[in-house]
Amino acid sequence: MHELALARGVVEVIEEQAAAQRFRRVVRVRLVIGALSHVEPEALAFGFDAVSRGTVAEGAALVIDRPPGQAYCLDCEATVTVDERAAPCPRCAGWRLMITGGDDMRIKDLEVE
């Protein structure tokens, strides 16, 4: 389950920021996890709860924003929303799509004390 490793990475970043910015507790963590990122939000939330125990992030609310996938179609020259990487263009049914968004994962912000 790679979500557990991702959750560990999120907690590591939070602890690094806590040391650098001298906050003592995280109340809320907001992540952006694109729909095309191959990350299961529920599994990540479960992993986050487990790996944050005993850290500044223990008990923090985890909020996950899930933007849709975006692609540029080389056939109809339009930016379109896609649900999966292997899908055809919803506008022209062409297959030459370049993913332009919705495949990332990042920490958007932290609410701290």
PDB file of N, CA and C in Angstrom:
ATOM      1  N   MET A   1       0.850  -1.173   0.000  1.00  0.00           N
ATOM      2  CA  MET A   1       0.000   0.000   0.000  1.00  0.00           C
ATOM      3  C   MET A   1       0.897   1.238   0.000  1.00  0.00           C
ATOM      4  N   HIS A   2       1.026   1.882  -1.148  1.00  0.00           N
ATOM      5  CA  HIS A   2       1.913   3.043  -1.236  1.00  0.00           C
ATOM      6  C   HIS A   2       1.344   4.265  -0.528  1.00  0.00           C
ATOM      7  N   GLU A   3       0.062   4.266  -0.201  1.00  0.00           N
ATOM      8  CA  GLU A   3      -0.527   5.389   0.520  1.00  0.00           C
ATOM      9  C   GLU A   3       0.086   5.553   1.907  1.00  0.00           C
ATOM     10  N   LEU A   4       0.492   4.441   2.531  1.00  0.00           N
ATOM     11  CA  LEU A   4       1.133   4.522   3.840  1.00  0.00           C
ATOM     12  C   LEU A   4       2.467   5.260   3.728  1.00  0.00           C
ATOM     13  N   ALA A   5       3.231   4.964   2.703  1.00  0.00           N
ATOM     14  CA  ALA A   5       4.499   5.668   2.475  1.00  0.00           C
ATOM     15  C   ALA A   5       4.238   7.152   2.177  1.00  0.00           C
ATOM     16  N   LEU A   6       3.192   7.444   1.431  1.00  0.00           N
ATOM     17  CA  LEU A   6       2.847   8.845   1.160  1.00  0.00           C
ATOM     18  C   LEU A   6       2.446   9.564   2.444  1.00  0.00           C
ATOM     19  N   ALA A   7       1.678   8.879   3.287  1.00  0.00           N
ATOM     20  CA  ALA A   7       1.278   9.472   4.566  1.00  0.00           C
ATOM     21  C   ALA A   7       2.495   9.761   5.428  1.00  0.00           C
ATOM     22  N   ARG A   8       3.456   8.834   5.448  1.00  0.00           N
ATOM     23  CA  ARG A   8       4.706   9.065   6.194  1.00  0.00           C
ATOM     24  C   ARG A   8       5.418  10.308   5.670  1.00  0.00           C
ATOM     25  N   GLY A   9       5.451  10.442   4.353  1.00  0.00           N
ATOM     26  CA  GLY A   9       6.087  11.613   3.745  1.00  0.00           C
ATOM     27  C   GLY A   9       5.409  12.910   4.139  1.00  0.00           C
ATOM     28  N   VAL A  10       4.088  12.906   4.176  1.00  0.00           N
ATOM     29  CA  VAL A  10       3.339  14.098   4.593  1.00  0.00           C
ATOM     30  C   VAL A  10       3.688  14.451   6.034  1.00  0.00           C
ATOM     31  N   VAL A  11       3.701  13.463   6.911  1.00  0.00           N
ATOM     32  CA  VAL A  11       4.016  13.708   8.324  1.00  0.00           C
ATOM     33  C   VAL A  11       5.455  14.204   8.470  1.00  0.00           C
ATOM     34  N   GLU A  12       6.374  13.661   7.689  1.00  0.00           N
ATOM     35  CA  GLU A  12       7.768  14.133   7.745  1.00  0.00           C
ATOM     36  C   GLU A  12       7.867  15.602   7.355  1.00  0.00           C
ATOM     37  N   VAL A  13       7.163  16.002   6.307  1.00  0.00           N
ATOM     38  CA  VAL A  13       7.164  17.407   5.886  1.00  0.00           C
ATOM     39  C   VAL A  13       6.582  18.283   6.988  1.00  0.00           C
ATOM     40  N   ILE A  14       5.499  17.829   7.603  1.00  0.00           N
ATOM     41  CA  ILE A  14       4.875  18.592   8.683  1.00  0.00           C
ATOM     42  C   ILE A  14       5.841  18.753   9.850  1.00  0.00           C
ATOM     43  N   GLU A  15       6.517  17.689  10.225  1.00  0.00           N
ATOM     44  CA  GLU A  15       7.460  17.779  11.350  1.00  0.00           C
ATOM     45  C   GLU A  15       8.640  18.689  11.013  1.00  0.00           C
ATOM     46  N   GLU A  16       9.121  18.653   9.790  1.00  0.00           N
ATOM     47  CA  GLU A  16      10.201  19.558   9.370  1.00  0.00           C
ATOM     48  C   GLU A  16       9.734  21.015   9.483  1.00  0.00           C
ATOM     49  N   GLN A  17       8.505  21.280   9.027  1.00  0.00           N
ATOM     50  CA  GLN A  17       7.971  22.635   9.098  1.00  0.00           C
ATOM     51  C   GLN A  17       7.723  23.065  10.543  1.00  0.00           C
ATOM     52  N   ALA A  18       7.299  22.125  11.394  1.00  0.00           N
ATOM     53  CA  ALA A  18       7.091  22.442  12.813  1.00  0.00           C
ATOM     54  C   ALA A  18       8.404  22.866  13.461  1.00  0.00           C
ATOM     55  N   ALA A  19       9.475  22.177  13.129  1.00  0.00           N
ATOM     56  CA  ALA A  19      10.783  22.537  13.685  1.00  0.00           C
ATOM     57  C   ALA A  19      11.246  23.891  13.143  1.00  0.00           C
ATOM     58  N   ALA A  20      11.052  24.126  11.847  1.00  0.00           N
ATOM     59  CA  ALA A  20      11.521  25.366  11.231  1.00  0.00           C
ATOM     60  C   ALA A  20      10.681  26.571  11.643  1.00  0.00           C
ATOM     61  N   GLN A  21       9.369  26.375  11.775  1.00  0.00           N
ATOM     62  CA  GLN A  21       8.481  27.508  12.043  1.00  0.00           C
ATOM     63  C   GLN A  21       7.990  27.560  13.495  1.00  0.00           C
ATOM     64  N   ARG A  22       8.416  26.599  14.266  1.00  0.00           N
ATOM     65  CA  ARG A  22       8.168  26.555  15.713  1.00  0.00           C
ATOM     66  C   ARG A  22       6.684  26.550  16.102  1.00  0.00           C
ATOM     67  N   PHE A  23       5.918  25.722  15.418  1.00  0.00           N
ATOM     68  CA  PHE A  23       4.553  25.505  15.910  1.00  0.00           C
ATOM     69  C   PHE A  23       4.526  24.176  16.635  1.00  0.00           C
ATOM     70  N   ARG A  24       3.568  24.025  17.539  1.00  0.00           N
ATOM     71  CA  ARG A  24       3.581  22.846  18.402  1.00  0.00           C
ATOM     72  C   ARG A  24       2.537  21.809  18.052  1.00  0.00           C
ATOM     73  N   ARG A  25       1.517  22.214  17.279  1.00  0.00           N
ATOM     74  CA  ARG A  25       0.466  21.266  16.954  1.00  0.00           C
ATOM     75  C   ARG A  25      -0.207  21.648  15.641  1.00  0.00           C
ATOM     76  N   VAL A  26      -0.576  20.634  14.869  1.00  0.00           N
ATOM     77  CA  VAL A  26      -1.323  20.853  13.636  1.00  0.00           C
ATOM     78  C   VAL A  26      -2.780  20.486  13.903  1.00  0.00           C
ATOM     79  N   VAL A  27      -3.661  21.401  13.578  1.00  0.00           N
ATOM     80  CA  VAL A  27      -5.089  21.191  13.784  1.00  0.00           C
ATOM     81  C   VAL A  27      -5.736  20.608  12.529  1.00  0.00           C
ATOM     82  N   ARG A  28      -5.287  21.103  11.356  1.00  0.00           N
ATOM     83  CA  ARG A  28      -5.870  20.672  10.086  1.00  0.00           C
ATOM     84  C   ARG A  28      -4.796  20.620   9.016  1.00  0.00           C
ATOM     85  N   VAL A  29      -4.859  19.585   8.203  1.00  0.00           N
ATOM     86  CA  VAL A  29      -3.964  19.425   7.059  1.00  0.00           C
ATOM     87  C   VAL A  29      -4.851  19.346   5.822  1.00  0.00           C
ATOM     88  N   ARG A  30      -4.596  20.216   4.849  1.00  0.00           N
ATOM     89  CA  ARG A  30      -5.354  20.140   3.594  1.00  0.00           C
ATOM     90  C   ARG A  30      -4.417  19.696   2.483  1.00  0.00           C
ATOM     91  N   LEU A  31      -4.790  18.588   1.848  1.00  0.00           N
ATOM     92  CA  LEU A  31      -4.032  18.030   0.736  1.00  0.00           C
ATOM     93  C   LEU A  31      -4.806  18.216  -0.561  1.00  0.00           C
ATOM     94  N   VAL A  32      -4.079  18.343  -1.650  1.00  0.00           N
ATOM     95  CA  VAL A  32      -4.661  18.303  -2.984  1.00  0.00           C
ATOM     96  C   VAL A  32      -4.174  16.999  -3.599  1.00  0.00           C
ATOM     97  N   ILE A  33      -5.129  16.145  -3.946  1.00  0.00           N
ATOM     98  CA  ILE A  33      -4.799  14.851  -4.554  1.00  0.00           C
ATOM     99  C   ILE A  33      -5.629  14.733  -5.824  1.00  0.00           C
ATOM    100  N   GLY A  34      -4.994  14.933  -6.947  1.00  0.00           N
ATOM    101  CA  GLY A  34      -5.699  14.901  -8.223  1.00  0.00           C
ATOM    102  C   GLY A  34      -6.334  13.550  -8.503  1.00  0.00           C
ATOM    103  N   ALA A  35      -7.430  13.595  -9.243  1.00  0.00           N
ATOM    104  CA  ALA A  35      -8.176  12.376  -9.568  1.00  0.00           C
ATOM    105  C   ALA A  35      -7.345  11.380 -10.388  1.00  0.00           C
ATOM    106  N   LEU A  36      -6.306  11.851 -11.052  1.00  0.00           N
ATOM    107  CA  LEU A  36      -5.462  10.972 -11.873  1.00  0.00           C
ATOM    108  C   LEU A  36      -4.166  10.583 -11.164  1.00  0.00           C
ATOM    109  N   SER A  37      -4.076  10.835  -9.879  1.00  0.00           N
ATOM    110  CA  SER A  37      -2.826  10.642  -9.141  1.00  0.00           C
ATOM    111  C   SER A  37      -2.556   9.197  -8.720  1.00  0.00           C
ATOM    112  N   HIS A  38      -3.520   8.321  -8.876  1.00  0.00           N
ATOM    113  CA  HIS A  38      -3.398   6.918  -8.437  1.00  0.00           C
ATOM    114  C   HIS A  38      -3.227   6.812  -6.930  1.00  0.00           C
ATOM    115  N   VAL A  39      -3.797   7.750  -6.193  1.00  0.00           N
ATOM    116  CA  VAL A  39      -3.776   7.721  -4.735  1.00  0.00           C
ATOM    117  C   VAL A  39      -5.210   7.536  -4.268  1.00  0.00           C
ATOM    118  N   GLU A  40      -5.422   6.560  -3.404  1.00  0.00           N
ATOM    119  CA  GLU A  40      -6.743   6.295  -2.834  1.00  0.00           C
ATOM    120  C   GLU A  40      -6.904   7.144  -1.572  1.00  0.00           C
ATOM    121  N   PRO A  41      -7.768   8.159  -1.604  1.00  0.00           N
ATOM    122  CA  PRO A  41      -7.896   9.075  -0.463  1.00  0.00           C
ATOM    123  C   PRO A  41      -8.227   8.385   0.863  1.00  0.00           C
ATOM    124  N   GLU A  42      -9.097   7.393   0.839  1.00  0.00           N
ATOM    125  CA  GLU A  42      -9.473   6.714   2.081  1.00  0.00           C
ATOM    126  C   GLU A  42      -8.281   5.966   2.681  1.00  0.00           C
ATOM    127  N   ALA A  43      -7.501   5.323   1.840  1.00  0.00           N
ATOM    128  CA  ALA A  43      -6.314   4.602   2.319  1.00  0.00           C
ATOM    129  C   ALA A  43      -5.273   5.584   2.851  1.00  0.00           C
ATOM    130  N   LEU A  44      -5.120   6.730   2.198  1.00  0.00           N
ATOM    131  CA  LEU A  44      -4.181   7.740   2.672  1.00  0.00           C
ATOM    132  C   LEU A  44      -4.625   8.276   4.032  1.00  0.00           C
ATOM    133  N   ALA A  45      -5.925   8.533   4.190  1.00  0.00           N
ATOM    134  CA  ALA A  45      -6.438   9.029   5.467  1.00  0.00           C
ATOM    135  C   ALA A  45      -6.204   8.013   6.584  1.00  0.00           C
ATOM    136  N   PHE A  46      -6.424   6.749   6.296  1.00  0.00           N
ATOM    137  CA  PHE A  46      -6.174   5.697   7.279  1.00  0.00           C
ATOM    138  C   PHE A  46      -4.695   5.669   7.656  1.00  0.00           C
ATOM    139  N   GLY A  47      -3.822   5.722   6.659  1.00  0.00           N
ATOM    140  CA  GLY A  47      -2.383   5.728   6.908  1.00  0.00           C
ATOM    141  C   GLY A  47      -1.930   6.954   7.669  1.00  0.00           C
ATOM    142  N   PHE A  48      -2.516   8.108   7.351  1.00  0.00           N
ATOM    143  CA  PHE A  48      -2.161   9.342   8.044  1.00  0.00           C
ATOM    144  C   PHE A  48      -2.487   9.237   9.526  1.00  0.00           C
ATOM    145  N   ASP A  49      -3.659   8.712   9.844  1.00  0.00           N
ATOM    146  CA  ASP A  49      -4.034   8.530  11.257  1.00  0.00           C
ATOM    147  C   ASP A  49      -3.022   7.649  11.978  1.00  0.00           C
ATOM    148  N   ALA A  50      -2.574   6.609  11.311  1.00  0.00           N
ATOM    149  CA  ALA A  50      -1.635   5.669  11.938  1.00  0.00           C
ATOM    150  C   ALA A  50      -0.250   6.278  12.131  1.00  0.00           C
ATOM    151  N   VAL A  51       0.291   6.914  11.097  1.00  0.00           N
ATOM    152  CA  VAL A  51       1.678   7.389  11.179  1.00  0.00           C
ATOM    153  C   VAL A  51       1.814   8.734  11.892  1.00  0.00           C
ATOM    154  N   SER A  52       0.703   9.436  12.115  1.00  0.00           N
ATOM    155  CA  SER A  52       0.803  10.726  12.794  1.00  0.00           C
ATOM    156  C   SER A  52       0.774  10.589  14.316  1.00  0.00           C
ATOM    157  N   ARG A  53       0.499   9.395  14.821  1.00  0.00           N
ATOM    158  CA  ARG A  53       0.459   9.201  16.279  1.00  0.00           C
ATOM    159  C   ARG A  53       1.824   9.538  16.889  1.00  0.00           C
ATOM    160  N   GLY A  54       1.781  10.330  17.947  1.00  0.00           N
ATOM    161  CA  GLY A  54       3.011  10.713  18.619  1.00  0.00           C
ATOM    162  C   GLY A  54       3.758  11.855  17.950  1.00  0.00           C
ATOM    163  N   THR A  55       3.147  12.491  16.956  1.00  0.00           N
ATOM    164  CA  THR A  55       3.787  13.610  16.250  1.00  0.00           C
ATOM    165  C   THR A  55       2.953  14.871  16.457  1.00  0.00           C
ATOM    166  N   VAL A  56       3.434  15.994  15.939  1.00  0.00           N
ATOM    167  CA  VAL A  56       2.679  17.252  16.025  1.00  0.00           C
ATOM    168  C   VAL A  56       1.377  17.192  15.233  1.00  0.00           C
ATOM    169  N   ALA A  57       1.248  16.207  14.357  1.00  0.00           N
ATOM    170  CA  ALA A  57       0.052  16.077  13.526  1.00  0.00           C
ATOM    171  C   ALA A  57      -0.978  15.106  14.107  1.00  0.00           C
ATOM    172  N   GLU A  58      -0.691  14.526  15.263  1.00  0.00           N
ATOM    173  CA  GLU A  58      -1.639  13.576  15.844  1.00  0.00           C
ATOM    174  C   GLU A  58      -2.977  14.255  16.110  1.00  0.00           C
ATOM    175  N   GLY A  59      -4.048  13.629  15.647  1.00  0.00           N
ATOM    176  CA  GLY A  59      -5.391  14.149  15.844  1.00  0.00           C
ATOM    177  C   GLY A  59      -5.804  15.236  14.867  1.00  0.00           C
ATOM    178  N   ALA A  60      -4.927  15.621  13.959  1.00  0.00           N
ATOM    179  CA  ALA A  60      -5.260  16.674  12.994  1.00  0.00           C
ATOM    180  C   ALA A  60      -6.339  16.187  12.027  1.00  0.00           C
ATOM    181  N   ALA A  61      -7.231  17.084  11.671  1.00  0.00           N
ATOM    182  CA  ALA A  61      -8.231  16.782  10.649  1.00  0.00           C
ATOM    183  C   ALA A  61      -7.538  16.769   9.295  1.00  0.00           C
ATOM    184  N   LEU A  62      -7.813  15.758   8.507  1.00  0.00           N
ATOM    185  CA  LEU A  62      -7.233  15.652   7.171  1.00  0.00           C
ATOM    186  C   LEU A  62      -8.330  15.972   6.162  1.00  0.00           C
ATOM    187  N   VAL A  63      -8.125  17.044   5.405  1.00  0.00           N
ATOM    188  CA  VAL A  63      -9.081  17.476   4.384  1.00  0.00           C
ATOM    189  C   VAL A  63      -8.420  17.224   3.033  1.00  0.00           C
ATOM    190  N   ILE A  64      -9.129  16.540   2.152  1.00  0.00           N
ATOM    191  CA  ILE A  64      -8.561  16.199   0.850  1.00  0.00           C
ATOM    192  C   ILE A  64      -9.391  16.845  -0.251  1.00  0.00           C
ATOM    193  N   ASP A  65      -8.756  17.753  -1.001  1.00  0.00           N
ATOM    194  CA  ASP A  65      -9.367  18.342  -2.198  1.00  0.00           C
ATOM    195  C   ASP A  65      -9.023  17.420  -3.361  1.00  0.00           C
ATOM    196  N   ARG A  66      -9.994  17.126  -4.212  1.00  0.00           N
ATOM    197  CA  ARG A  66      -9.818  16.142  -5.285  1.00  0.00           C
ATOM    198  C   ARG A  66     -10.148  16.764  -6.643  1.00  0.00           C
ATOM    199  N   PRO A  67      -9.232  17.574  -7.212  1.00  0.00           N
ATOM    200  CA  PRO A  67      -9.523  18.187  -8.512  1.00  0.00           C
ATOM    201  C   PRO A  67      -9.581  17.125  -9.615  1.00  0.00           C
ATOM    202  N   PRO A  68     -10.411  17.358 -10.624  1.00  0.00           N
ATOM    203  CA  PRO A  68     -10.523  16.392 -11.721  1.00  0.00           C
ATOM    204  C   PRO A  68      -9.281  16.399 -12.604  1.00  0.00           C
ATOM    205  N   GLY A  69      -9.176  15.373 -13.425  1.00  0.00           N
ATOM    206  CA  GLY A  69      -8.090  15.312 -14.394  1.00  0.00           C
ATOM    207  C   GLY A  69      -8.337  16.296 -15.525  1.00  0.00           C
ATOM    208  N   GLN A  70      -7.269  16.878 -16.017  1.00  0.00           N
ATOM    209  CA  GLN A  70      -7.337  17.792 -17.150  1.00  0.00           C
ATOM    210  C   GLN A  70      -6.363  17.306 -18.220  1.00  0.00           C
ATOM    211  N   ALA A  71      -6.759  17.480 -19.466  1.00  0.00           N
ATOM    212  CA  ALA A  71      -5.892  17.081 -20.572  1.00  0.00           C
ATOM    213  C   ALA A  71      -6.079  18.040 -21.734  1.00  0.00           C
ATOM    214  N   TYR A  72      -5.055  18.110 -22.565  1.00  0.00           N
ATOM    215  CA  TYR A  72      -5.127  18.879 -23.800  1.00  0.00           C
ATOM    216  C   TYR A  72      -5.227  17.877 -24.930  1.00  0.00           C
ATOM    217  N   CYS A  73      -6.243  18.011 -25.759  1.00  0.00           N
ATOM    218  CA  CYS A  73      -6.439  17.105 -26.889  1.00  0.00           C
ATOM    219  C   CYS A  73      -5.722  17.666 -28.112  1.00  0.00           C
ATOM    220  N   LEU A  74      -4.794  16.888 -28.624  1.00  0.00           N
ATOM    221  CA  LEU A  74      -4.058  17.318 -29.810  1.00  0.00           C
ATOM    222  C   LEU A  74      -4.908  17.246 -31.075  1.00  0.00           C
ATOM    223  N   ASP A  75      -6.000  16.473 -31.034  1.00  0.00           N
ATOM    224  CA  ASP A  75      -6.862  16.348 -32.215  1.00  0.00           C
ATOM    225  C   ASP A  75      -7.804  17.541 -32.357  1.00  0.00           C
ATOM    226  N   CYS A  76      -8.523  17.899 -31.283  1.00  0.00           N
ATOM    227  CA  CYS A  76      -9.479  19.016 -31.389  1.00  0.00           C
ATOM    228  C   CYS A  76      -8.945  20.303 -30.757  1.00  0.00           C
ATOM    229  N   GLU A  77      -7.718  20.260 -30.233  1.00  0.00           N
ATOM    230  CA  GLU A  77      -7.042  21.420 -29.665  1.00  0.00           C
ATOM    231  C   GLU A  77      -7.845  22.089 -28.554  1.00  0.00           C
ATOM    232  N   ALA A  78      -8.401  21.252 -27.661  1.00  0.00           N
ATOM    233  CA  ALA A  78      -9.187  21.776 -26.549  1.00  0.00           C
ATOM    234  C   ALA A  78      -8.659  21.210 -25.241  1.00  0.00           C
ATOM    235  N   THR A  79      -8.818  21.970 -24.185  1.00  0.00           N
ATOM    236  CA  THR A  79      -8.541  21.470 -22.842  1.00  0.00           C
ATOM    237  C   THR A  79      -9.830  20.858 -22.331  1.00  0.00           C
ATOM    238  N   VAL A  80      -9.732  19.608 -21.876  1.00  0.00           N
ATOM    239  CA  VAL A  80     -10.925  18.864 -21.464  1.00  0.00           C
ATOM    240  C   VAL A  80     -10.712  18.230 -20.093  1.00  0.00           C
ATOM    241  N   THR A  81     -11.810  17.896 -19.443  1.00  0.00           N
ATOM    242  CA  THR A  81     -11.785  17.171 -18.184  1.00  0.00           C
ATOM    243  C   THR A  81     -11.868  15.683 -18.495  1.00  0.00           C
ATOM    244  N   VAL A  82     -10.981  14.896 -17.855  1.00  0.00           N
ATOM    245  CA  VAL A  82     -10.984  13.442 -18.070  1.00  0.00           C
ATOM    246  C   VAL A  82     -11.062  12.729 -16.726  1.00  0.00           C
ATOM    247  N   ASP A  83     -11.713  11.575 -16.732  1.00  0.00           N
ATOM    248  CA  ASP A  83     -11.875  10.791 -15.512  1.00  0.00           C
ATOM    249  C   ASP A  83     -10.747   9.790 -15.302  1.00  0.00           C
ATOM    250  N   GLU A  84     -10.073   9.408 -16.371  1.00  0.00           N
ATOM    251  CA  GLU A  84      -8.966   8.469 -16.266  1.00  0.00           C
ATOM    252  C   GLU A  84      -7.983   8.710 -17.395  1.00  0.00           C
ATOM    253  N   ARG A  85      -6.767   8.219 -17.220  1.00  0.00           N
ATOM    254  CA  ARG A  85      -5.711   8.467 -18.198  1.00  0.00           C
ATOM    255  C   ARG A  85      -5.980   7.829 -19.551  1.00  0.00           C
ATOM    256  N   ALA A  86      -6.572   6.671 -19.569  1.00  0.00           N
ATOM    257  CA  ALA A  86      -6.754   5.931 -20.817  1.00  0.00           C
ATOM    258  C   ALA A  86      -8.059   6.275 -21.531  1.00  0.00           C
ATOM    259  N   ALA A  87      -8.725   7.318 -21.110  1.00  0.00           N
ATOM    260  CA  ALA A  87     -10.010   7.687 -21.713  1.00  0.00           C
ATOM    261  C   ALA A  87      -9.796   8.497 -22.989  1.00  0.00           C
ATOM    262  N   PRO A  88     -10.719   8.381 -23.934  1.00  0.00           N
ATOM    263  CA  PRO A  88     -10.647   9.229 -25.127  1.00  0.00           C
ATOM    264  C   PRO A  88     -11.118  10.643 -24.787  1.00  0.00           C
ATOM    265  N   CYS A  89     -10.896  11.545 -25.682  1.00  0.00           N
ATOM    266  CA  CYS A  89     -11.343  12.927 -25.512  1.00  0.00           C
ATOM    267  C   CYS A  89     -12.871  12.949 -25.445  1.00  0.00           C
ATOM    268  N   PRO A  90     -13.438  13.572 -24.414  1.00  0.00           N
ATOM    269  CA  PRO A  90     -14.893  13.628 -24.324  1.00  0.00           C
ATOM    270  C   PRO A  90     -15.530  14.559 -25.358  1.00  0.00           C
ATOM    271  N   ARG A  91     -14.712  15.355 -26.000  1.00  0.00           N
ATOM    272  CA  ARG A  91     -15.236  16.309 -26.985  1.00  0.00           C
ATOM    273  C   ARG A  91     -15.248  15.720 -28.402  1.00  0.00           C
ATOM    274  N   CYS A  92     -14.127  15.077 -28.805  1.00  0.00           N
ATOM    275  CA  CYS A  92     -14.022  14.594 -30.190  1.00  0.00           C
ATOM    276  C   CYS A  92     -13.777  13.090 -30.292  1.00  0.00           C
ATOM    277  N   ALA A  93     -13.608  12.417 -29.161  1.00  0.00           N
ATOM    278  CA  ALA A  93     -13.331  10.969 -29.091  1.00  0.00           C
ATOM    279  C   ALA A  93     -11.927  10.615 -29.584  1.00  0.00           C
ATOM    280  N   GLY A  94     -11.081  11.615 -29.739  1.00  0.00           N
ATOM    281  CA  GLY A  94      -9.696  11.359 -30.125  1.00  0.00           C
ATOM    282  C   GLY A  94      -8.898  10.768 -28.971  1.00  0.00           C
ATOM    283  N   TRP A  95      -7.779  10.145 -29.314  1.00  0.00           N
ATOM    284  CA  TRP A  95      -6.972   9.459 -28.292  1.00  0.00           C
ATOM    285  C   TRP A  95      -5.653  10.167 -27.986  1.00  0.00           C
ATOM    286  N   ARG A  96      -5.384  11.272 -28.650  1.00  0.00           N
ATOM    287  CA  ARG A  96      -4.096  11.948 -28.446  1.00  0.00           C
ATOM    288  C   ARG A  96      -4.250  13.039 -27.387  1.00  0.00           C
ATOM    289  N   LEU A  97      -4.244  12.604 -26.129  1.00  0.00           N
ATOM    290  CA  LEU A  97      -4.408  13.513 -25.013  1.00  0.00           C
ATOM    291  C   LEU A  97      -3.107  13.651 -24.236  1.00  0.00           C
ATOM    292  N   MET A  98      -2.795  14.865 -23.840  1.00  0.00           N
ATOM    293  CA  MET A  98      -1.665  15.140 -22.958  1.00  0.00           C
ATOM    294  C   MET A  98      -2.240  15.573 -21.622  1.00  0.00           C
ATOM    295  N   ILE A  99      -1.922  14.844 -20.569  1.00  0.00           N
ATOM    296  CA  ILE A  99      -2.411  15.191 -19.243  1.00  0.00           C
ATOM    297  C   ILE A  99      -1.760  16.512 -18.815  1.00  0.00           C
ATOM    298  N   THR A 100      -2.589  17.458 -18.366  1.00  0.00           N
ATOM    299  CA  THR A 100      -2.075  18.768 -17.952  1.00  0.00           C
ATOM    300  C   THR A 100      -2.397  19.095 -16.500  1.00  0.00           C
ATOM    301  N   GLY A 101      -3.208  18.274 -15.840  1.00  0.00           N
ATOM    302  CA  GLY A 101      -3.534  18.545 -14.445  1.00  0.00           C
ATOM    303  C   GLY A 101      -4.322  17.414 -13.820  1.00  0.00           C
ATOM    304  N   GLY A 102      -4.397  17.465 -12.508  1.00  0.00           N
ATOM    305  CA  GLY A 102      -5.151  16.454 -11.789  1.00  0.00           C
ATOM    306  C   GLY A 102      -4.378  15.185 -11.520  1.00  0.00           C
ATOM    307  N   ASP A 103      -3.057  15.225 -11.692  1.00  0.00           N
ATOM    308  CA  ASP A 103      -2.237  14.037 -11.439  1.00  0.00           C
ATOM    309  C   ASP A 103      -1.215  14.293 -10.328  1.00  0.00           C
ATOM    310  N   ASP A 104      -1.420  15.365  -9.577  1.00  0.00           N
ATOM    311  CA  ASP A 104      -0.457  15.739  -8.549  1.00  0.00           C
ATOM    312  C   ASP A 104      -0.975  15.437  -7.149  1.00  0.00           C
ATOM    313  N   MET A 105      -0.067  15.501  -6.200  1.00  0.00           N
ATOM    314  CA  MET A 105      -0.408  15.416  -4.782  1.00  0.00           C
ATOM    315  C   MET A 105       0.490  16.405  -4.069  1.00  0.00           C
ATOM    316  N   ARG A 106      -0.123  17.248  -3.241  1.00  0.00           N
ATOM    317  CA  ARG A 106       0.667  18.233  -2.505  1.00  0.00           C
ATOM    318  C   ARG A 106      -0.061  18.662  -1.245  1.00  0.00           C
ATOM    319  N   ILE A 107       0.707  19.186  -0.325  1.00  0.00           N
ATOM    320  CA  ILE A 107       0.125  19.785   0.870  1.00  0.00           C
ATOM    321  C   ILE A 107      -0.269  21.210   0.492  1.00  0.00           C
ATOM    322  N   LYS A 108      -1.540  21.527   0.607  1.00  0.00           N
ATOM    323  CA  LYS A 108      -2.001  22.866   0.240  1.00  0.00           C
ATOM    324  C   LYS A 108      -1.785  23.834   1.391  1.00  0.00           C
ATOM    325  N   ASP A 109      -2.208  23.447   2.599  1.00  0.00           N
ATOM    326  CA  ASP A 109      -1.972  24.306   3.757  1.00  0.00           C
ATOM    327  C   ASP A 109      -2.155  23.545   5.038  1.00  0.00           C
ATOM    328  N   LEU A 110      -1.687  24.171   6.110  1.00  0.00           N
ATOM    329  CA  LEU A 110      -1.784  23.617   7.453  1.00  0.00           C
ATOM    330  C   LEU A 110      -2.412  24.657   8.356  1.00  0.00           C
ATOM    331  N   GLU A 111      -3.282  24.223   9.250  1.00  0.00           N
ATOM    332  CA  GLU A 111      -3.763  25.095  10.313  1.00  0.00           C
ATOM    333  C   GLU A 111      -3.034  24.636  11.563  1.00  0.00           C
ATOM    334  N   VAL A 112      -2.304  25.541  12.203  1.00  0.00           N
ATOM    335  CA  VAL A 112      -1.422  25.161  13.315  1.00  0.00           C
ATOM    336  C   VAL A 112      -1.700  26.004  14.552  1.00  0.00           C
ATOM    337  N   GLU A 113      -1.172  25.511  15.676  1.00  0.00           N
ATOM    338  CA  GLU A 113      -1.224  26.249  16.943  1.00  0.00           C
ATOM    339  C   GLU A 113       0.186  26.442  17.448  1.00  0.00           C
TER     340      GLU A 113
END
